[in-house]
PDB file of all heavy atoms in Angstrom:
ATOM      1  N   LYS A   1       0.832  -1.197   0.000  1.00  0.00           N
ATOM      2  CA  LYS A   1       0.000   0.000   0.000  1.00  0.00           C
ATOM      3  C   LYS A   1       0.871   1.253   0.000  1.00  0.00           C
ATOM      4  O   LYS A   1       1.945   1.285   0.602  1.00  0.00           O
ATOM      5  CB  LYS A   1      -0.922  -0.002   1.214  1.00  0.00           C
ATOM      6  CG  LYS A   1      -2.090  -0.967   1.091  1.00  0.00           C
ATOM      7  CD  LYS A   1      -3.133  -0.717   2.172  1.00  0.00           C
ATOM      8  CE  LYS A   1      -4.387  -1.540   1.900  1.00  0.00           C
ATOM      9  NZ  LYS A   1      -5.458  -1.271   2.877  1.00  0.00           N
ATOM     10  N   GLU A   2       0.359   2.263  -0.657  1.00  0.00           N
ATOM     11  CA  GLU A   2       1.105   3.504  -0.823  1.00  0.00           C
ATOM     12  C   GLU A   2       1.215   4.316   0.467  1.00  0.00           C
ATOM     13  O   GLU A   2       1.956   5.307   0.533  1.00  0.00           O
ATOM     14  CB  GLU A   2       0.465   4.358  -1.919  1.00  0.00           C
ATOM     15  CG  GLU A   2      -0.956   4.799  -1.645  1.00  0.00           C
ATOM     16  CD  GLU A   2      -1.994   3.753  -2.038  1.00  0.00           C
ATOM     17  OE1 GLU A   2      -1.614   2.584  -2.309  1.00  0.00           O
ATOM     18  OE2 GLU A   2      -3.187   4.095  -2.057  1.00  0.00           O
ATOM     19  N   ASP A   3       0.506   3.898   1.531  1.00  0.00           N
ATOM     20  CA  ASP A   3       0.616   4.613   2.810  1.00  0.00           C
ATOM     21  C   ASP A   3       1.751   4.065   3.675  1.00  0.00           C
ATOM     22  O   ASP A   3       1.959   4.535   4.798  1.00  0.00           O
ATOM     23  CB  ASP A   3      -0.711   4.540   3.578  1.00  0.00           C
ATOM     24  CG  ASP A   3      -1.122   3.098   3.904  1.00  0.00           C
ATOM     25  OD1 ASP A   3      -0.378   2.156   3.558  1.00  0.00           O
ATOM     26  OD2 ASP A   3      -2.208   2.918   4.501  1.00  0.00           O
ATOM     27  N   PHE A   4       2.472   3.061   3.132  1.00  0.00           N
ATOM     28  CA  PHE A   4       3.619   2.450   3.821  1.00  0.00           C
ATOM     29  C   PHE A   4       3.230   1.886   5.193  1.00  0.00           C
ATOM     30  O   PHE A   4       4.024   1.874   6.130  1.00  0.00           O
ATOM     31  CB  PHE A   4       4.782   3.444   3.969  1.00  0.00           C
ATOM     32  CG  PHE A   4       5.301   3.948   2.656  1.00  0.00           C
ATOM     33  CD1 PHE A   4       5.032   5.252   2.260  1.00  0.00           C
ATOM     34  CD2 PHE A   4       6.038   3.141   1.822  1.00  0.00           C
ATOM     35  CE1 PHE A   4       5.492   5.731   1.042  1.00  0.00           C
ATOM     36  CE2 PHE A   4       6.506   3.598   0.604  1.00  0.00           C
ATOM     37  CZ  PHE A   4       6.231   4.898   0.206  1.00  0.00           C
ATOM     38  N   SER A   5       1.998   1.420   5.296  1.00  0.00           N
ATOM     39  CA  SER A   5       1.515   0.816   6.540  1.00  0.00           C
ATOM     40  C   SER A   5       2.041  -0.599   6.726  1.00  0.00           C
ATOM     41  O   SER A   5       1.912  -1.177   7.804  1.00  0.00           O
ATOM     42  CB  SER A   5      -0.014   0.785   6.544  1.00  0.00           C
ATOM     43  OG  SER A   5      -0.503  -0.023   5.462  1.00  0.00           O
ATOM     44  N   GLY A   6       2.612  -1.141   5.664  1.00  0.00           N
ATOM     45  CA  GLY A   6       3.062  -2.533   5.704  1.00  0.00           C
ATOM     46  C   GLY A   6       2.020  -3.486   5.169  1.00  0.00           C
ATOM     47  O   GLY A   6       2.314  -4.669   4.949  1.00  0.00           O
ATOM     48  N   ARG A   7       0.825  -2.982   4.937  1.00  0.00           N
ATOM     49  CA  ARG A   7      -0.235  -3.816   4.375  1.00  0.00           C
ATOM     50  C   ARG A   7      -0.192  -3.772   2.850  1.00  0.00           C
ATOM     51  O   ARG A   7       0.591  -3.020   2.264  1.00  0.00           O
ATOM     52  CB  ARG A   7      -1.598  -3.357   4.887  1.00  0.00           C
ATOM     53  CG  ARG A   7      -1.790  -3.637   6.370  1.00  0.00           C
ATOM     54  CD  ARG A   7      -3.216  -3.396   6.822  1.00  0.00           C
ATOM     55  NE  ARG A   7      -3.402  -3.828   8.202  1.00  0.00           N
ATOM     56  CZ  ARG A   7      -3.700  -5.071   8.574  1.00  0.00           C
ATOM     57  NH1 ARG A   7      -3.869  -6.007   7.648  1.00  0.00           N
ATOM     58  NH2 ARG A   7      -3.850  -5.382   9.833  1.00  0.00           N
ATOM     59  N   HIS A   8      -1.035  -4.604   2.234  1.00  0.00           N
ATOM     60  CA  HIS A   8      -1.012  -4.740   0.776  1.00  0.00           C
ATOM     61  C   HIS A   8      -2.398  -4.540   0.159  1.00  0.00           C
ATOM     62  O   HIS A   8      -3.419  -4.797   0.815  1.00  0.00           O
ATOM     63  CB  HIS A   8      -0.489  -6.133   0.393  1.00  0.00           C
ATOM     64  CG  HIS A   8       0.940  -6.347   0.755  1.00  0.00           C
ATOM     65  ND1 HIS A   8       1.353  -6.657   2.028  1.00  0.00           N
ATOM     66  CD2 HIS A   8       2.076  -6.299  -0.013  1.00  0.00           C
ATOM     67  CE1 HIS A   8       2.675  -6.798   2.054  1.00  0.00           C
ATOM     68  NE2 HIS A   8       3.130  -6.575   0.834  1.00  0.00           N
ATOM     69  N   ASN A   9      -2.370  -4.082  -1.078  1.00  0.00           N
ATOM     70  CA  ASN A   9      -3.570  -4.105  -1.923  1.00  0.00           C
ATOM     71  C   ASN A   9      -3.550  -5.394  -2.724  1.00  0.00           C
ATOM     72  O   ASN A   9      -2.528  -5.740  -3.333  1.00  0.00           O
ATOM     73  CB  ASN A   9      -3.576  -2.909  -2.879  1.00  0.00           C
ATOM     74  CG  ASN A   9      -3.854  -1.603  -2.161  1.00  0.00           C
ATOM     75  OD1 ASN A   9      -4.791  -1.507  -1.371  1.00  0.00           O
ATOM     76  ND2 ASN A   9      -3.048  -0.576  -2.437  1.00  0.00           N
ATOM     77  N   PHE A  10      -4.662  -6.118  -2.722  1.00  0.00           N
ATOM     78  CA  PHE A  10      -4.771  -7.379  -3.451  1.00  0.00           C
ATOM     79  C   PHE A  10      -5.718  -7.186  -4.633  1.00  0.00           C
ATOM     80  O   PHE A  10      -6.697  -6.443  -4.547  1.00  0.00           O
ATOM     81  CB  PHE A  10      -5.285  -8.485  -2.534  1.00  0.00           C
ATOM     82  CG  PHE A  10      -4.376  -8.770  -1.373  1.00  0.00           C
ATOM     83  CD1 PHE A  10      -4.590  -8.145  -0.146  1.00  0.00           C
ATOM     84  CD2 PHE A  10      -3.303  -9.635  -1.503  1.00  0.00           C
ATOM     85  CE1 PHE A  10      -3.747  -8.391   0.928  1.00  0.00           C
ATOM     86  CE2 PHE A  10      -2.454  -9.894  -0.427  1.00  0.00           C
ATOM     87  CZ  PHE A  10      -2.674  -9.267   0.783  1.00  0.00           C
ATOM     88  N   SER A  11      -5.403  -7.877  -5.721  1.00  0.00           N
ATOM     89  CA  SER A  11      -6.233  -7.733  -6.919  1.00  0.00           C
ATOM     90  C   SER A  11      -6.325  -9.053  -7.667  1.00  0.00           C
ATOM     91  O   SER A  11      -5.473  -9.944  -7.497  1.00  0.00           O
ATOM     92  CB  SER A  11      -5.678  -6.640  -7.831  1.00  0.00           C
ATOM     93  OG  SER A  11      -4.301  -6.841  -8.094  1.00  0.00           O
ATOM     94  N   THR A  12      -7.353  -9.122  -8.526  1.00  0.00           N
ATOM     95  CA  THR A  12      -7.596 -10.365  -9.266  1.00  0.00           C
ATOM     96  C   THR A  12      -7.118 -10.298 -10.708  1.00  0.00           C
ATOM     97  O   THR A  12      -7.048 -11.321 -11.385  1.00  0.00           O
ATOM     98  CB  THR A  12      -9.105 -10.683  -9.282  1.00  0.00           C
ATOM     99  OG1 THR A  12      -9.796  -9.594  -9.898  1.00  0.00           O
ATOM    100  CG2 THR A  12      -9.621 -10.886  -7.863  1.00  0.00           C
ATOM    101  N   ASN A  13      -6.786  -9.082 -11.176  1.00  0.00           N
ATOM    102  CA  ASN A  13      -6.389  -8.960 -12.582  1.00  0.00           C
ATOM    103  C   ASN A  13      -5.224  -7.981 -12.714  1.00  0.00           C
ATOM    104  O   ASN A  13      -4.966  -7.161 -11.827  1.00  0.00           O
ATOM    105  CB  ASN A  13      -7.572  -8.515 -13.442  1.00  0.00           C
ATOM    106  CG  ASN A  13      -8.136  -7.179 -12.996  1.00  0.00           C
ATOM    107  OD1 ASN A  13      -7.568  -6.128 -13.292  1.00  0.00           O
ATOM    108  ND2 ASN A  13      -9.253  -7.217 -12.257  1.00  0.00           N
ATOM    109  N   LEU A  14      -4.572  -8.049 -13.863  1.00  0.00           N
ATOM    110  CA  LEU A  14      -3.362  -7.269 -14.083  1.00  0.00           C
ATOM    111  C   LEU A  14      -3.643  -5.778 -14.155  1.00  0.00           C
ATOM    112  O   LEU A  14      -2.838  -4.965 -13.675  1.00  0.00           O
ATOM    113  CB  LEU A  14      -2.668  -7.748 -15.366  1.00  0.00           C
ATOM    114  CG  LEU A  14      -1.300  -7.135 -15.668  1.00  0.00           C
ATOM    115  CD1 LEU A  14      -0.334  -7.370 -14.515  1.00  0.00           C
ATOM    116  CD2 LEU A  14      -0.744  -7.720 -16.969  1.00  0.00           C
ATOM    117  N   ASN A  15      -4.764  -5.385 -14.757  1.00  0.00           N
ATOM    118  CA  ASN A  15      -5.069  -3.953 -14.864  1.00  0.00           C
ATOM    119  C   ASN A  15      -5.198  -3.301 -13.488  1.00  0.00           C
ATOM    120  O   ASN A  15      -4.643  -2.221 -13.241  1.00  0.00           O
ATOM    121  CB  ASN A  15      -6.359  -3.745 -15.665  1.00  0.00           C
ATOM    122  CG  ASN A  15      -6.172  -4.041 -17.139  1.00  0.00           C
ATOM    123  OD1 ASN A  15      -5.059  -3.948 -17.662  1.00  0.00           O
ATOM    124  ND2 ASN A  15      -7.257  -4.406 -17.825  1.00  0.00           N
ATOM    125  N   GLU A  16      -5.933  -3.953 -12.617  1.00  0.00           N
ATOM    126  CA  GLU A  16      -6.096  -3.428 -11.257  1.00  0.00           C
ATOM    127  C   GLU A  16      -4.757  -3.385 -10.530  1.00  0.00           C
ATOM    128  O   GLU A  16      -4.430  -2.429  -9.816  1.00  0.00           O
ATOM    129  CB  GLU A  16      -7.105  -4.283 -10.493  1.00  0.00           C
ATOM    130  CG  GLU A  16      -7.475  -3.722  -9.127  1.00  0.00           C
ATOM    131  CD  GLU A  16      -8.470  -4.611  -8.395  1.00  0.00           C
ATOM    132  OE1 GLU A  16      -8.929  -5.622  -8.985  1.00  0.00           O
ATOM    133  OE2 GLU A  16      -8.775  -4.300  -7.231  1.00  0.00           O
ATOM    134  N   HIS A  17      -3.969  -4.433 -10.706  1.00  0.00           N
ATOM    135  CA  HIS A  17      -2.657  -4.494 -10.070  1.00  0.00           C
ATOM    136  C   HIS A  17      -1.756  -3.374 -10.582  1.00  0.00           C
ATOM    137  O   HIS A  17      -1.014  -2.754  -9.807  1.00  0.00           O
ATOM    138  CB  HIS A  17      -2.009  -5.852 -10.349  1.00  0.00           C
ATOM    139  CG  HIS A  17      -0.578  -5.932  -9.895  1.00  0.00           C
ATOM    140  ND1 HIS A  17      -0.220  -5.874  -8.565  1.00  0.00           N
ATOM    141  CD2 HIS A  17       0.585  -6.033 -10.601  1.00  0.00           C
ATOM    142  CE1 HIS A  17       1.096  -5.969  -8.466  1.00  0.00           C
ATOM    143  NE2 HIS A  17       1.609  -6.056  -9.686  1.00  0.00           N
ATOM    144  N   THR A  18      -1.809  -3.089 -11.881  1.00  0.00           N
ATOM    145  CA  THR A  18      -0.987  -2.027 -12.453  1.00  0.00           C
ATOM    146  C   THR A  18      -1.330  -0.685 -11.826  1.00  0.00           C
ATOM    147  O   THR A  18      -0.435   0.124 -11.522  1.00  0.00           O
ATOM    148  CB  THR A  18      -1.187  -1.966 -13.981  1.00  0.00           C
ATOM    149  OG1 THR A  18      -0.813  -3.226 -14.546  1.00  0.00           O
ATOM    150  CG2 THR A  18      -0.323  -0.869 -14.589  1.00  0.00           C
ATOM    151  N   ARG A  19      -2.613  -0.414 -11.610  1.00  0.00           N
ATOM    152  CA  ARG A  19      -3.017   0.841 -10.965  1.00  0.00           C
ATOM    153  C   ARG A  19      -2.492   0.918  -9.525  1.00  0.00           C
ATOM    154  O   ARG A  19      -2.011   1.957  -9.071  1.00  0.00           O
ATOM    155  CB  ARG A  19      -4.543   0.981 -10.986  1.00  0.00           C
ATOM    156  CG  ARG A  19      -5.119   1.235 -12.380  1.00  0.00           C
ATOM    157  CD  ARG A  19      -6.575   1.682 -12.295  1.00  0.00           C
ATOM    158  NE  ARG A  19      -7.430   0.599 -11.788  1.00  0.00           N
ATOM    159  CZ  ARG A  19      -8.016  -0.298 -12.570  1.00  0.00           C
ATOM    160  NH1 ARG A  19      -7.816  -0.296 -13.888  1.00  0.00           N
ATOM    161  NH2 ARG A  19      -8.798  -1.227 -12.057  1.00  0.00           N
ATOM    162  N   ASN A  20      -2.560  -0.214  -8.811  1.00  0.00           N
ATOM    163  CA  ASN A  20      -2.040  -0.251  -7.439  1.00  0.00           C
ATOM    164  C   ASN A  20      -0.536  -0.001  -7.426  1.00  0.00           C
ATOM    165  O   ASN A  20      -0.011   0.737  -6.581  1.00  0.00           O
ATOM    166  CB  ASN A  20      -2.350  -1.597  -6.787  1.00  0.00           C
ATOM    167  CG  ASN A  20      -3.832  -1.803  -6.519  1.00  0.00           C
ATOM    168  OD1 ASN A  20      -4.581  -0.834  -6.378  1.00  0.00           O
ATOM    169  ND2 ASN A  20      -4.255  -3.053  -6.461  1.00  0.00           N
ATOM    170  N   ALA A  21       0.152  -0.630  -8.392  1.00  0.00           N
ATOM    171  CA  ALA A  21       1.610  -0.493  -8.462  1.00  0.00           C
ATOM    172  C   ALA A  21       2.010   0.942  -8.806  1.00  0.00           C
ATOM    173  O   ALA A  21       3.008   1.458  -8.273  1.00  0.00           O
ATOM    174  CB  ALA A  21       2.174  -1.469  -9.488  1.00  0.00           C
ATOM    175  N   MET A  22       1.257   1.605  -9.676  1.00  0.00           N
ATOM    176  CA  MET A  22       1.569   2.994 -10.039  1.00  0.00           C
ATOM    177  C   MET A  22       1.432   3.916  -8.827  1.00  0.00           C
ATOM    178  O   MET A  22       2.255   4.818  -8.618  1.00  0.00           O
ATOM    179  CB  MET A  22       0.661   3.459 -11.178  1.00  0.00           C
ATOM    180  CG  MET A  22       1.020   2.853 -12.532  1.00  0.00           C
ATOM    181  SD  MET A  22      -0.072   3.415 -13.856  1.00  0.00           S
ATOM    182  CE  MET A  22       0.316   5.179 -13.869  1.00  0.00           C
ATOM    183  N   ARG A  23       0.391   3.695  -8.024  1.00  0.00           N
ATOM    184  CA  ARG A  23       0.225   4.519  -6.817  1.00  0.00           C
ATOM    185  C   ARG A  23       1.402   4.312  -5.859  1.00  0.00           C
ATOM    186  O   ARG A  23       1.890   5.266  -5.247  1.00  0.00           O
ATOM    187  CB  ARG A  23      -1.101   4.170  -6.118  1.00  0.00           C
ATOM    188  CG  ARG A  23      -2.340   4.684  -6.830  1.00  0.00           C
ATOM    189  CD  ARG A  23      -3.540   4.701  -5.890  1.00  0.00           C
ATOM    190  NE  ARG A  23      -3.884   3.365  -5.428  1.00  0.00           N
ATOM    191  CZ  ARG A  23      -4.738   2.554  -6.053  1.00  0.00           C
ATOM    192  NH1 ARG A  23      -5.315   2.960  -7.199  1.00  0.00           N
ATOM    193  NH2 ARG A  23      -5.027   1.381  -5.565  1.00  0.00           N
ATOM    194  N   TYR A  24       1.847   3.062  -5.748  1.00  0.00           N
ATOM    195  CA  TYR A  24       2.968   2.778  -4.836  1.00  0.00           C
ATOM    196  C   TYR A  24       4.268   3.404  -5.357  1.00  0.00           C
ATOM    197  O   TYR A  24       5.032   3.988  -4.586  1.00  0.00           O
ATOM    198  CB  TYR A  24       3.124   1.258  -4.675  1.00  0.00           C
ATOM    199  CG  TYR A  24       4.239   0.876  -3.717  1.00  0.00           C
ATOM    200  CD1 TYR A  24       4.133   1.176  -2.367  1.00  0.00           C
ATOM    201  CD2 TYR A  24       5.380   0.213  -4.165  1.00  0.00           C
ATOM    202  CE1 TYR A  24       5.142   0.831  -1.475  1.00  0.00           C
ATOM    203  CE2 TYR A  24       6.391  -0.143  -3.288  1.00  0.00           C
ATOM    204  CZ  TYR A  24       6.265   0.173  -1.945  1.00  0.00           C
ATOM    205  OH  TYR A  24       7.263  -0.158  -1.075  1.00  0.00           O
ATOM    206  N   ARG A  25       4.502   3.321  -6.670  1.00  0.00           N
ATOM    207  CA  ARG A  25       5.721   3.903  -7.240  1.00  0.00           C
ATOM    208  C   ARG A  25       5.730   5.426  -7.084  1.00  0.00           C
ATOM    209  O   ARG A  25       6.771   6.025  -6.806  1.00  0.00           O
ATOM    210  CB  ARG A  25       5.855   3.507  -8.706  1.00  0.00           C
ATOM    211  CG  ARG A  25       6.351   2.087  -8.921  1.00  0.00           C
ATOM    212  CD  ARG A  25       6.836   1.882 -10.349  1.00  0.00           C
ATOM    213  NE  ARG A  25       5.734   1.959 -11.300  1.00  0.00           N
ATOM    214  CZ  ARG A  25       5.018   0.894 -11.685  1.00  0.00           C
ATOM    215  NH1 ARG A  25       5.295  -0.310 -11.186  1.00  0.00           N
ATOM    216  NH2 ARG A  25       4.041   1.028 -12.562  1.00  0.00           N
ATOM    217  N   ARG A  26       4.576   6.047  -7.230  1.00  0.00           N
ATOM    218  CA  ARG A  26       4.511   7.494  -7.042  1.00  0.00           C
ATOM    219  C   ARG A  26       4.837   7.869  -5.590  1.00  0.00           C
ATOM    220  O   ARG A  26       5.490   8.877  -5.318  1.00  0.00           O
ATOM    221  CB  ARG A  26       3.129   8.028  -7.441  1.00  0.00           C
ATOM    222  CG  ARG A  26       2.917   8.113  -8.944  1.00  0.00           C
ATOM    223  CD  ARG A  26       1.727   9.009  -9.282  1.00  0.00           C
ATOM    224  NE  ARG A  26       0.466   8.433  -8.824  1.00  0.00           N
ATOM    225  CZ  ARG A  26      -0.323   7.669  -9.591  1.00  0.00           C
ATOM    226  NH1 ARG A  26       0.033   7.371 -10.837  1.00  0.00           N
ATOM    227  NH2 ARG A  26      -1.453   7.193  -9.109  1.00  0.00           N
ATOM    228  N   ALA A  27       4.390   7.029  -4.665  1.00  0.00           N
ATOM    229  CA  ALA A  27       4.694   7.278  -3.251  1.00  0.00           C
ATOM    230  C   ALA A  27       6.198   7.145  -3.000  1.00  0.00           C
ATOM    231  O   ALA A  27       6.783   7.931  -2.236  1.00  0.00           O
ATOM    232  CB  ALA A  27       3.915   6.304  -2.371  1.00  0.00           C
ATOM    233  N   LEU A  28       6.829   6.167  -3.648  1.00  0.00           N
ATOM    234  CA  LEU A  28       8.288   6.026  -3.526  1.00  0.00           C
ATOM    235  C   LEU A  28       9.004   7.238  -4.115  1.00  0.00           C
ATOM    236  O   LEU A  28       9.982   7.744  -3.534  1.00  0.00           O
ATOM    237  CB  LEU A  28       8.749   4.750  -4.243  1.00  0.00           C
ATOM    238  CG  LEU A  28       8.354   3.401  -3.605  1.00  0.00           C
ATOM    239  CD1 LEU A  28       8.798   2.255  -4.520  1.00  0.00           C
ATOM    240  CD2 LEU A  28       8.972   3.234  -2.232  1.00  0.00           C
ATOM    241  N   ASP A  29       8.521   7.691  -5.235  1.00  0.00           N
ATOM    242  CA  ASP A  29       9.144   8.855  -5.893  1.00  0.00           C
ATOM    243  C   ASP A  29       9.051  10.096  -4.999  1.00  0.00           C
ATOM    244  O   ASP A  29      10.001  10.880  -4.919  1.00  0.00           O
ATOM    245  CB  ASP A  29       8.475   9.124  -7.236  1.00  0.00           C
ATOM    246  CG  ASP A  29       8.794   8.066  -8.273  1.00  0.00           C
ATOM    247  OD1 ASP A  29       9.824   7.367  -8.096  1.00  0.00           O
ATOM    248  OD2 ASP A  29       8.024   7.919  -9.254  1.00  0.00           O
ATOM    249  N   ARG A  30       7.900  10.268  -4.349  1.00  0.00           N
ATOM    250  CA  ARG A  30       7.734  11.439  -3.464  1.00  0.00           C
ATOM    251  C   ARG A  30       8.755  11.442  -2.337  1.00  0.00           C
ATOM    252  O   ARG A  30       9.195  12.490  -1.880  1.00  0.00           O
ATOM    253  CB  ARG A  30       6.314  11.479  -2.886  1.00  0.00           C
ATOM    254  CG  ARG A  30       5.263  11.951  -3.875  1.00  0.00           C
ATOM    255  CD  ARG A  30       3.972  12.327  -3.153  1.00  0.00           C
ATOM    256  NE  ARG A  30       3.368  11.206  -2.456  1.00  0.00           N
ATOM    257  CZ  ARG A  30       2.494  10.378  -3.009  1.00  0.00           C
ATOM    258  NH1 ARG A  30       2.137  10.506  -4.290  1.00  0.00           N
ATOM    259  NH2 ARG A  30       1.978   9.387  -2.315  1.00  0.00           N
ATOM    260  N   LEU A  31       9.129  10.226  -1.892  1.00  0.00           N
ATOM    261  CA  LEU A  31      10.120  10.104  -0.812  1.00  0.00           C
ATOM    262  C   LEU A  31      11.536   9.944  -1.350  1.00  0.00           C
ATOM    263  O   LEU A  31      12.471   9.727  -0.576  1.00  0.00           O
ATOM    264  CB  LEU A  31       9.770   8.920   0.094  1.00  0.00           C
ATOM    265  CG  LEU A  31       8.435   9.027   0.848  1.00  0.00           C
ATOM    266  CD1 LEU A  31       8.171   7.760   1.638  1.00  0.00           C
ATOM    267  CD2 LEU A  31       8.461  10.236   1.784  1.00  0.00           C
ATOM    268  N   ASN A  32      11.664  10.037  -2.670  1.00  0.00           N
ATOM    269  CA  ASN A  32      12.969   9.934  -3.332  1.00  0.00           C
ATOM    270  C   ASN A  32      13.658   8.600  -3.022  1.00  0.00           C
ATOM    271  O   ASN A  32      14.876   8.539  -2.837  1.00  0.00           O
ATOM    272  CB  ASN A  32      13.880  11.092  -2.911  1.00  0.00           C
ATOM    273  CG  ASN A  32      14.997  11.327  -3.920  1.00  0.00           C
ATOM    274  OD1 ASN A  32      14.835  11.053  -5.129  1.00  0.00           O
ATOM    275  ND2 ASN A  32      16.122  11.808  -3.448  1.00  0.00           N
ATOM    276  N   ILE A  33      12.857   7.556  -2.963  1.00  0.00           N
ATOM    277  CA  ILE A  33      13.415   6.205  -2.752  1.00  0.00           C
ATOM    278  C   ILE A  33      13.686   5.600  -4.105  1.00  0.00           C
ATOM    279  O   ILE A  33      12.767   5.385  -4.910  1.00  0.00           O
ATOM    280  CB  ILE A  33      12.434   5.330  -1.929  1.00  0.00           C
ATOM    281  CG1 ILE A  33      12.233   5.930  -0.533  1.00  0.00           C
ATOM    282  CG2 ILE A  33      12.955   3.900  -1.831  1.00  0.00           C
ATOM    283  CD1 ILE A  33      11.214   5.201   0.301  1.00  0.00           C
ATOM    284  N   ARG A  34      14.935   5.331  -4.367  1.00  0.00           N
ATOM    285  CA  ARG A  34      15.345   4.808  -5.686  1.00  0.00           C
ATOM    286  C   ARG A  34      15.796   3.349  -5.601  1.00  0.00           C
ATOM    287  O   ARG A  34      16.276   2.916  -4.597  1.00  0.00           O
ATOM    288  CB  ARG A  34      16.491   5.665  -6.250  1.00  0.00           C
ATOM    289  CG  ARG A  34      16.122   7.143  -6.373  1.00  0.00           C
ATOM    290  CD  ARG A  34      15.054   7.350  -7.394  1.00  0.00           C
ATOM    291  NE  ARG A  34      14.648   8.757  -7.499  1.00  0.00           N
ATOM    292  CZ  ARG A  34      13.642   9.170  -8.246  1.00  0.00           C
ATOM    293  NH1 ARG A  34      12.919   8.324  -8.937  1.00  0.00           N
ATOM    294  NH2 ARG A  34      13.321  10.454  -8.294  1.00  0.00           N
TER     295      ARG A  34
END
């Protein structure tokens, strides 16, 4: 999850997973984690 709570977003298909992954990557970028 993009809130870094340690929990996860679960999904049944790739499209939904891609959206979850994009939110998480944006959160990493905001914190400058490379």
